[in-house]
Amino acid sequence: MSTEANKVVARRYFDEFLNQGKGVVGEDLFAPTYRCHFPGNPGSLDKQEHDDITISFYSAFPDARFTVEDTIAEGDKVVSRYTMRGTHQGTWISGTPPTGKQVTITGNEIHRIADGRIVEQWSEFDFLGTLRQFGVVTAPGQ
């Protein structure tokens, strides 16, 4: 596939899987052998484990909306820099109880794509900045 076609697949991840489906659709988007490398996990996650994390995320941020800021593609990989905005309304992976605060989380996703499907994914996001917005961690000098 062309890099432009791969960008379309990566965009579908944000539009269909995250923003519209909130982690419960998109089976044709992922290869059967899909693996996700997610911060804080010692090994890679399979599709079901990735879905579980995504659904948990939407329990904490039911109004979350992802905006792709930049997309760069080369070969079979697409890098997307995103911003997520949402309200912290439920306990998330940090164990932090709901704060009711509007938060902004920035991050990057790298998708490896083959035959029009996501085969592998590397996720990174500003977890420390998120904890600061929750009020759990203070910035240096505060």
Protein backbone atom coordinates (compact mmCIF):
# COMPACT_ATOMS: atom_id res chain seq x y z
CA MET A 1 0.00 0.00 0.00
CA SER A 2 1.08 3.58 -0.53
CA THR A 3 1.99 5.85 2.35
CA GLU A 4 -1.15 7.89 1.59
CA ALA A 5 -3.32 4.76 1.87
CA ASN A 6 -1.60 3.91 5.15
CA LYS A 7 -2.37 7.41 6.47
CA VAL A 8 -6.05 6.78 5.73
CA VAL A 9 -5.92 3.60 7.83
CA ALA A 10 -4.23 5.44 10.72
CA ARG A 11 -6.83 8.21 10.49
CA ARG A 12 -9.59 5.59 10.72
CA TYR A 13 -8.09 4.48 14.03
CA PHE A 14 -8.74 7.91 15.51
CA ASP A 15 -12.03 8.64 13.73
CA GLU A 16 -13.79 5.27 13.80
CA PHE A 17 -12.20 3.32 16.65
CA LEU A 18 -11.60 6.10 19.18
CA ASN A 19 -13.90 9.04 18.45
CA GLN A 20 -16.95 7.23 17.10
CA GLY A 21 -16.67 3.69 18.47
CA LYS A 22 -15.01 4.50 21.79
CA GLY A 23 -13.00 1.29 21.53
CA VAL A 24 -15.79 -1.14 20.66
CA VAL A 25 -15.73 -1.18 16.85
CA GLY A 26 -13.17 -1.47 14.13
CA GLU A 27 -12.58 -5.19 13.84
CA ASP A 28 -11.77 -4.83 10.13
CA LEU A 29 -9.21 -2.17 11.07
CA PHE A 30 -6.91 -4.58 12.94
CA ALA A 31 -5.00 -7.61 11.67
CA PRO A 32 -5.71 -10.90 13.49
CA THR A 33 -2.10 -10.83 14.72
CA TYR A 34 -2.38 -7.23 16.04
CA ARG A 35 -0.09 -6.26 18.92
CA CYS A 36 -0.01 -2.99 20.89
CA HIS A 37 2.92 -1.65 22.91
CA PHE A 38 1.34 0.48 25.62
CA PRO A 39 3.12 2.52 28.32
CA GLY A 40 3.45 0.74 31.64
CA ASN A 41 2.93 -2.76 30.24
CA PRO A 42 5.97 -5.04 30.25
CA GLY A 43 4.89 -6.89 27.11
CA SER A 44 2.71 -6.21 24.12
CA LEU A 45 -1.08 -6.37 24.27
CA ASP A 46 -3.37 -8.32 21.96
CA LYS A 47 -6.50 -6.79 20.45
CA GLN A 48 -8.77 -7.71 23.38
CA GLU A 49 -6.35 -6.30 25.95
CA HIS A 50 -6.05 -3.09 23.91
CA ASP A 51 -9.86 -2.87 23.68
CA ASP A 52 -10.12 -3.33 27.46
CA ILE A 53 -7.74 -0.42 28.09
CA THR A 54 -9.59 1.76 25.58
CA ILE A 55 -13.01 0.99 27.08
CA SER A 56 -11.60 1.71 30.56
CA PHE A 57 -10.29 5.03 29.25
CA TYR A 58 -13.76 5.98 27.96
CA SER A 59 -15.26 5.06 31.33
CA ALA A 60 -12.99 7.71 32.84
CA PHE A 61 -13.36 10.21 29.98
CA PRO A 62 -16.76 9.58 28.34
CA ASP A 63 -16.63 12.86 26.40
CA ALA A 64 -13.05 12.34 25.16
CA ARG A 65 -12.30 13.61 21.68
CA PHE A 66 -9.04 12.96 19.82
CA THR A 67 -7.69 15.46 17.31
CA VAL A 68 -4.81 14.44 15.05
CA GLU A 69 -2.39 17.35 14.86
CA ASP A 70 0.25 15.86 12.53
CA THR A 71 0.68 12.70 10.48
CA ILE A 72 3.94 11.46 8.99
CA ALA A 73 4.27 8.25 6.99
CA GLU A 74 7.15 6.28 5.59
CA GLY A 75 7.03 2.74 4.30
CA ASP A 76 4.58 0.69 6.35
CA LYS A 77 4.57 3.02 9.38
CA VAL A 78 2.42 6.06 10.17
CA VAL A 79 3.13 8.40 13.09
CA SER A 80 0.26 10.52 14.40
CA ARG A 81 0.66 13.28 16.98
CA TYR A 82 -2.64 13.89 18.75
CA THR A 83 -4.37 15.94 21.40
CA MET A 84 -7.17 14.46 23.51
CA ARG A 85 -9.58 16.68 25.39
CA GLY A 86 -12.10 15.35 27.87
CA THR A 87 -13.56 15.52 31.36
CA HIS A 88 -12.20 13.20 34.04
CA GLN A 89 -15.44 11.55 35.21
CA GLY A 90 -14.28 8.08 36.30
CA THR A 91 -11.32 6.24 37.81
CA TRP A 92 -8.57 5.70 35.26
CA ILE A 93 -5.46 3.48 35.19
CA SER A 94 -3.69 5.76 37.65
CA GLY A 95 -6.33 4.85 40.25
CA THR A 96 -7.16 8.52 40.60
CA PRO A 97 -10.84 9.00 41.47
CA PRO A 98 -12.87 11.32 39.23
CA THR A 99 -11.86 14.96 39.55
CA GLY A 100 -14.44 16.49 37.21
CA LYS A 101 -11.59 18.44 35.61
CA GLN A 102 -11.27 19.17 31.91
CA VAL A 103 -7.95 17.69 30.81
CA THR A 104 -5.81 17.81 27.71
CA ILE A 105 -3.55 14.86 26.96
CA THR A 106 -0.99 14.88 24.17
CA GLY A 107 0.58 11.82 22.67
CA ASN A 108 1.84 9.91 19.66
CA GLU A 109 0.78 6.70 17.99
CA ILE A 110 2.89 4.73 15.57
CA HIS A 111 0.94 2.26 13.47
CA ARG A 112 2.54 -0.43 11.33
CA ILE A 113 0.12 -1.25 8.55
CA ALA A 114 -0.04 -4.23 6.20
CA ASP A 115 -2.77 -5.02 3.66
CA GLY A 116 -4.92 -2.13 4.90
CA ARG A 117 -4.93 -3.23 8.55
CA ILE A 118 -3.06 -2.21 11.67
CA VAL A 119 -0.62 -4.97 12.55
CA GLU A 120 1.31 -3.29 15.33
CA GLN A 121 0.99 -0.11 17.38
CA TRP A 122 3.23 1.85 19.74
CA SER A 123 1.45 4.30 22.05
CA GLU A 124 3.02 7.13 24.04
CA PHE A 125 1.29 9.93 25.93
CA ASP A 126 2.03 12.55 28.57
CA PHE A 127 1.01 10.59 31.66
CA LEU A 128 2.89 12.88 34.07
CA GLY A 129 1.18 15.94 32.58
CA THR A 130 -2.16 14.19 33.01
CA LEU A 131 -1.45 13.50 36.70
CA ARG A 132 -0.53 17.17 37.12
CA GLN A 133 -3.89 18.19 35.64
CA PHE A 134 -5.63 15.82 38.09
CA GLY A 135 -3.77 17.60 40.91
CA VAL A 136 -2.07 14.36 42.00
CA VAL A 137 1.44 15.54 41.12
CA THR A 138 2.73 19.11 41.28
CA ALA A 139 5.07 20.72 38.82
CA PRO A 140 8.63 21.40 40.00
CA GLY A 141 8.84 24.59 42.03
CA GLN A 142 5.18 24.54 43.10
